[in-house]
Amino acid sequence: MKKYIQIEEEVLVRLVEGKYVEGSLHRDEWTGQLTFRAYNRQSRKRKKDKLIRYLEHGWVKESTKNLKYFESIPKKIGMASVISVLERDTKVARETLIDRELINRV
């Protein structure tokens, strides 16, 4: 059985490009033809986080609502070294935020 589906030209262009198109397939109540209607999905528009400082094993960033602190330390250096690296990087991050706040107030 062959059925013809009415597809808009924009949808056909996306299919030819090899992209996926999400939508609904239904029978038109007036013409009786199968019709595909693509969903009008909008991509999320989000500002990228602003890097404040790179750390030895991570970074400090600022988003629109939060300050982000990331640390990733390899286990193989031992627990005592991990603790000292955490303390050192936390101190550097804290000092960076204090300096930044002082500069912004002037």
Protein backbone atom coordinates (compact mmCIF):
# COMPACT_ATOMS: atom_id res chain seq x y z
CA MET A 1 0.00 0.00 0.00
CA LYS A 2 1.37 3.42 -0.93
CA LYS A 3 0.31 6.54 0.87
CA TYR A 4 1.31 10.07 0.02
CA ILE A 5 2.22 12.41 2.86
CA GLN A 6 2.02 16.16 2.57
CA ILE A 7 5.29 17.62 3.93
CA GLU A 8 6.33 21.26 4.00
CA GLU A 9 9.41 22.24 2.00
CA GLU A 10 11.36 23.32 5.11
CA VAL A 11 10.91 19.86 6.62
CA LEU A 12 12.03 18.19 3.42
CA VAL A 13 15.20 20.34 3.34
CA ARG A 14 16.06 19.26 6.89
CA LEU A 15 15.50 15.61 5.98
CA VAL A 16 17.73 15.91 2.91
CA GLU A 17 20.47 17.40 5.14
CA GLY A 18 20.28 14.23 7.24
CA LYS A 19 18.74 15.88 10.29
CA TYR A 20 15.95 14.50 12.45
CA VAL A 21 12.58 16.25 12.41
CA GLU A 22 10.17 15.76 15.29
CA GLY A 23 6.51 16.35 14.66
CA SER A 24 3.07 14.82 14.38
CA LEU A 25 1.62 12.75 11.56
CA HIS A 26 -2.14 12.94 11.17
CA ARG A 27 -4.91 12.73 8.60
CA ASP A 28 -6.27 16.09 7.49
CA GLU A 29 -9.97 16.17 8.30
CA TRP A 30 -10.90 18.17 5.17
CA THR A 31 -8.74 16.64 2.43
CA GLY A 32 -8.22 13.19 3.94
CA GLN A 33 -4.49 13.31 3.13
CA LEU A 34 -1.80 12.32 5.58
CA THR A 35 -0.07 15.44 6.81
CA PHE A 36 3.17 15.86 8.73
CA ARG A 37 3.48 18.92 10.91
CA ALA A 38 6.93 19.61 12.38
CA TYR A 39 7.20 20.82 15.95
CA ASN A 40 8.50 24.37 16.23
CA ARG A 41 11.20 23.73 18.81
CA GLN A 42 13.39 26.60 19.88
CA SER A 43 16.92 25.92 21.01
CA ARG A 44 17.88 26.96 24.51
CA LYS A 45 19.69 30.25 24.64
CA ARG A 46 21.97 30.32 27.65
CA LYS A 47 24.93 32.53 28.38
CA LYS A 48 28.22 30.73 28.85
CA ASP A 49 29.84 30.84 32.26
CA LYS A 50 32.56 33.46 32.66
CA LEU A 51 35.89 32.03 33.79
CA ILE A 52 37.26 33.86 36.82
CA ARG A 53 40.39 31.80 37.43
CA TYR A 54 42.02 28.50 36.54
CA LEU A 55 43.25 26.54 39.53
CA GLU A 56 45.86 23.80 39.75
CA HIS A 57 43.20 21.06 39.51
CA GLY A 58 40.05 22.98 38.58
CA TRP A 59 38.49 26.39 38.02
CA VAL A 60 36.24 29.13 39.42
CA LYS A 61 33.48 30.42 37.13
CA GLU A 62 30.58 32.83 37.33
CA SER A 63 27.17 32.16 35.83
CA THR A 64 24.23 34.55 35.83
CA LYS A 65 23.04 33.28 39.23
CA ASN A 66 25.92 31.39 40.84
CA LEU A 67 29.62 31.25 41.47
CA LYS A 68 30.96 27.80 40.56
CA TYR A 69 34.00 26.11 42.03
CA PHE A 70 35.23 22.85 40.49
CA GLU A 71 38.04 20.64 41.72
CA SER A 72 39.18 17.27 40.38
CA ILE A 73 42.17 15.71 42.12
CA PRO A 74 43.64 12.30 41.23
CA LYS A 75 43.39 9.69 44.00
CA LYS A 76 46.84 8.33 43.30
CA ILE A 77 48.57 11.24 45.07
CA GLY A 78 47.34 10.04 48.47
CA MET A 79 44.81 11.34 50.95
CA ALA A 80 47.17 13.72 52.76
CA SER A 81 48.19 15.34 49.48
CA VAL A 82 44.55 15.54 48.35
CA ILE A 83 43.64 17.43 51.51
CA SER A 84 46.55 19.86 51.14
CA VAL A 85 45.71 20.47 47.45
CA LEU A 86 42.07 21.12 48.39
CA GLU A 87 43.08 23.61 51.06
CA ARG A 88 45.56 25.36 48.77
CA ASP A 89 43.18 25.66 45.82
CA THR A 90 40.32 26.77 48.07
CA LYS A 91 42.57 29.48 49.51
CA VAL A 92 43.55 30.67 46.00
CA ALA A 93 39.89 30.70 44.90
CA ARG A 94 38.85 32.60 48.01
CA GLU A 95 41.61 35.21 47.52
CA THR A 96 40.66 35.60 43.86
CA LEU A 97 37.03 36.29 44.78
CA ILE A 98 38.08 38.81 47.44
CA ASP A 99 40.39 40.61 44.98
CA ARG A 100 37.64 40.65 42.36
CA GLU A 101 35.14 42.11 44.81
CA LEU A 102 37.58 44.83 45.88
CA ILE A 103 38.32 45.76 42.26
CA ASN A 104 34.61 45.92 41.42
CA ARG A 105 33.86 48.26 44.33
CA VAL A 106 36.49 50.81 43.28
